[in-house]
């Protein structure tokens, strides 16, 4: 916060001072991105409907398929140790 207070840079879009003024009332100083919030609500509904165990299993299945595809294409994964594989991110060298 000290750096924010002493900064000479213009605060055009996001200003901590604006946030601090409105936060105690549970408000935000800027217009919320309503479509994003509606999409989040629908995504959570779909995940609950599917069940978190099924969601996690689906992600694991798709991640394994992605890694196999990378191998079949003759490319190399950045992560060399399978214990560190991620079900949400696959990085190709």
C-alpha atoms as a PDB file:
ATOM      1  CA  UNK A   1       0.000   0.000   0.000  1.00  0.00           C
ATOM      2  CA  UNK A   2       2.906   2.335   0.675  1.00  0.00           C
ATOM      3  CA  UNK A   3       4.129   1.972  -2.912  1.00  0.00           C
ATOM      4  CA  UNK A   4       0.622   2.754  -4.130  1.00  0.00           C
ATOM      5  CA  UNK A   5       0.434   5.901  -1.999  1.00  0.00           C
ATOM      6  CA  UNK A   6       3.821   7.227  -3.098  1.00  0.00           C
ATOM      7  CA  UNK A   7       3.515   6.251  -6.766  1.00  0.00           C
ATOM      8  CA  UNK A   8       3.253   9.083  -9.253  1.00  0.00           C
ATOM      9  CA  UNK A   9       1.664   6.840 -11.875  1.00  0.00           C
ATOM     10  CA  UNK A  10      -1.914   7.538 -12.907  1.00  0.00           C
ATOM     11  CA  UNK A  11      -4.458   5.075 -11.590  1.00  0.00           C
ATOM     12  CA  UNK A  12      -6.908   4.895 -14.453  1.00  0.00           C
ATOM     13  CA  UNK A  13      -8.764   1.607 -14.137  1.00  0.00           C
ATOM     14  CA  UNK A  14      -7.954  -0.091 -10.839  1.00  0.00           C
ATOM     15  CA  UNK A  15      -7.201   2.058  -7.816  1.00  0.00           C
ATOM     16  CA  UNK A  16      -6.675   0.512  -4.371  1.00  0.00           C
ATOM     17  CA  UNK A  17      -7.938   3.721  -2.771  1.00  0.00           C
ATOM     18  CA  UNK A  18     -11.303   3.279  -4.512  1.00  0.00           C
ATOM     19  CA  UNK A  19     -11.426  -0.337  -3.361  1.00  0.00           C
ATOM     20  CA  UNK A  20     -10.647   0.596   0.244  1.00  0.00           C
ATOM     21  CA  UNK A  21     -13.434   3.190   0.277  1.00  0.00           C
ATOM     22  CA  UNK A  22     -16.151   0.839  -0.932  1.00  0.00           C
ATOM     23  CA  UNK A  23     -15.002  -2.508   0.528  1.00  0.00           C
ATOM     24  CA  UNK A  24     -16.349  -1.991   4.088  1.00  0.00           C
ATOM     25  CA  UNK A  25     -19.901  -1.881   2.697  1.00  0.00           C
ATOM     26  CA  UNK A  26     -19.313  -4.981   0.558  1.00  0.00           C
ATOM     27  CA  UNK A  27     -19.437  -2.940  -2.633  1.00  0.00           C
ATOM     28  CA  UNK A  28     -17.057  -2.445  -5.527  1.00  0.00           C
ATOM     29  CA  UNK A  29     -16.208   0.902  -7.102  1.00  0.00           C
ATOM     30  CA  UNK A  30     -16.419  -0.358 -10.676  1.00  0.00           C
ATOM     31  CA  UNK A  31     -19.065  -2.091 -12.738  1.00  0.00           C
ATOM     32  CA  UNK A  32     -18.781  -5.856 -12.209  1.00  0.00           C
ATOM     33  CA  UNK A  33     -18.448  -8.067 -15.271  1.00  0.00           C
ATOM     34  CA  UNK A  34     -21.948  -9.558 -15.081  1.00  0.00           C
ATOM     35  CA  UNK A  35     -21.597 -12.052 -17.961  1.00  0.00           C
ATOM     36  CA  UNK A  36     -18.519 -13.480 -16.236  1.00  0.00           C
ATOM     37  CA  UNK A  37     -20.425 -13.885 -12.968  1.00  0.00           C
ATOM     38  CA  UNK A  38     -23.353 -15.557 -14.761  1.00  0.00           C
ATOM     39  CA  UNK A  39     -20.911 -17.897 -16.526  1.00  0.00           C
ATOM     40  CA  UNK A  40     -19.257 -18.757 -13.213  1.00  0.00           C
ATOM     41  CA  UNK A  41     -22.632 -19.576 -11.669  1.00  0.00           C
ATOM     42  CA  UNK A  42     -23.541 -21.850 -14.586  1.00  0.00           C
ATOM     43  CA  UNK A  43     -20.124 -23.552 -14.518  1.00  0.00           C
ATOM     44  CA  UNK A  44     -20.503 -24.299 -10.814  1.00  0.00           C
ATOM     45  CA  UNK A  45     -23.998 -25.662 -11.434  1.00  0.00           C
ATOM     46  CA  UNK A  46     -22.701 -27.979 -14.162  1.00  0.00           C
ATOM     47  CA  UNK A  47     -19.833 -29.193 -11.976  1.00  0.00           C
ATOM     48  CA  UNK A  48     -22.194 -29.952  -9.099  1.00  0.00           C
ATOM     49  CA  UNK A  49     -24.513 -31.770 -11.466  1.00  0.00           C
ATOM     50  CA  UNK A  50     -21.652 -33.894 -12.834  1.00  0.00           C
ATOM     51  CA  UNK A  51     -20.129 -34.464  -9.395  1.00  0.00           C
ATOM     52  CA  UNK A  52     -16.627 -33.413  -8.435  1.00  0.00           C
ATOM     53  CA  UNK A  53     -15.232 -36.964  -8.584  1.00  0.00           C
ATOM     54  CA  UNK A  54     -16.433 -37.212 -12.185  1.00  0.00           C
ATOM     55  CA  UNK A  55     -15.076 -33.756 -13.019  1.00  0.00           C
ATOM     56  CA  UNK A  56     -11.647 -34.701 -11.644  1.00  0.00           C
ATOM     57  CA  UNK A  57     -11.711 -38.054 -13.475  1.00  0.00           C
ATOM     58  CA  UNK A  58     -12.635 -36.326 -16.750  1.00  0.00           C
ATOM     59  CA  UNK A  59      -9.768 -33.860 -16.377  1.00  0.00           C
ATOM     60  CA  UNK A  60      -7.330 -36.692 -15.613  1.00  0.00           C
ATOM     61  CA  UNK A  61      -8.540 -38.652 -18.675  1.00  0.00           C
ATOM     62  CA  UNK A  62      -8.257 -35.652 -21.006  1.00  0.00           C
ATOM     63  CA  UNK A  63      -4.825 -34.695 -19.626  1.00  0.00           C
ATOM     64  CA  UNK A  64      -3.515 -38.239 -20.161  1.00  0.00           C
ATOM     65  CA  UNK A  65      -4.872 -38.160 -23.713  1.00  0.00           C
ATOM     66  CA  UNK A  66      -3.168 -34.845 -24.356  1.00  0.00           C
ATOM     67  CA  UNK A  67       0.173 -36.178 -23.128  1.00  0.00           C
ATOM     68  CA  UNK A  68      -0.204 -39.286 -25.337  1.00  0.00           C
ATOM     69  CA  UNK A  69      -1.001 -37.073 -28.346  1.00  0.00           C
ATOM     70  CA  UNK A  70       2.094 -34.959 -27.709  1.00  0.00           C
ATOM     71  CA  UNK A  71       4.184 -38.139 -27.636  1.00  0.00           C
ATOM     72  CA  UNK A  72       2.525 -39.491 -30.814  1.00  0.00           C
ATOM     73  CA  UNK A  73       3.326 -36.242 -32.631  1.00  0.00           C
ATOM     74  CA  UNK A  74       6.985 -36.702 -31.746  1.00  0.00           C
ATOM     75  CA  UNK A  75       7.052 -33.722 -29.423  1.00  0.00           C
ATOM     76  CA  UNK A  76       8.378 -33.555 -25.884  1.00  0.00           C
ATOM     77  CA  UNK A  77       6.723 -32.538 -22.642  1.00  0.00           C
ATOM     78  CA  UNK A  78       8.468 -29.939 -20.529  1.00  0.00           C
ATOM     79  CA  UNK A  79       7.675 -31.940 -17.383  1.00  0.00           C
ATOM     80  CA  UNK A  80       9.941 -34.994 -17.421  1.00  0.00           C
ATOM     81  CA  UNK A  81       8.790 -36.646 -14.184  1.00  0.00           C
ATOM     82  CA  UNK A  82       5.275 -38.157 -14.383  1.00  0.00           C
ATOM     83  CA  UNK A  83       4.667 -37.558 -10.682  1.00  0.00           C
ATOM     84  CA  UNK A  84       4.545 -33.818 -11.467  1.00  0.00           C
ATOM     85  CA  UNK A  85       2.095 -34.079 -14.379  1.00  0.00           C
ATOM     86  CA  UNK A  86      -0.839 -31.723 -14.092  1.00  0.00           C
ATOM     87  CA  UNK A  87      -4.430 -32.461 -15.136  1.00  0.00           C
ATOM     88  CA  UNK A  88      -4.991 -28.797 -15.924  1.00  0.00           C
ATOM     89  CA  UNK A  89      -1.825 -27.816 -17.798  1.00  0.00           C
ATOM     90  CA  UNK A  90       0.388 -29.589 -20.324  1.00  0.00           C
ATOM     91  CA  UNK A  91       3.468 -27.724 -21.514  1.00  0.00           C
ATOM     92  CA  UNK A  92       5.162 -28.823 -24.723  1.00  0.00           C
ATOM     93  CA  UNK A  93       8.855 -27.980 -25.327  1.00  0.00           C
END
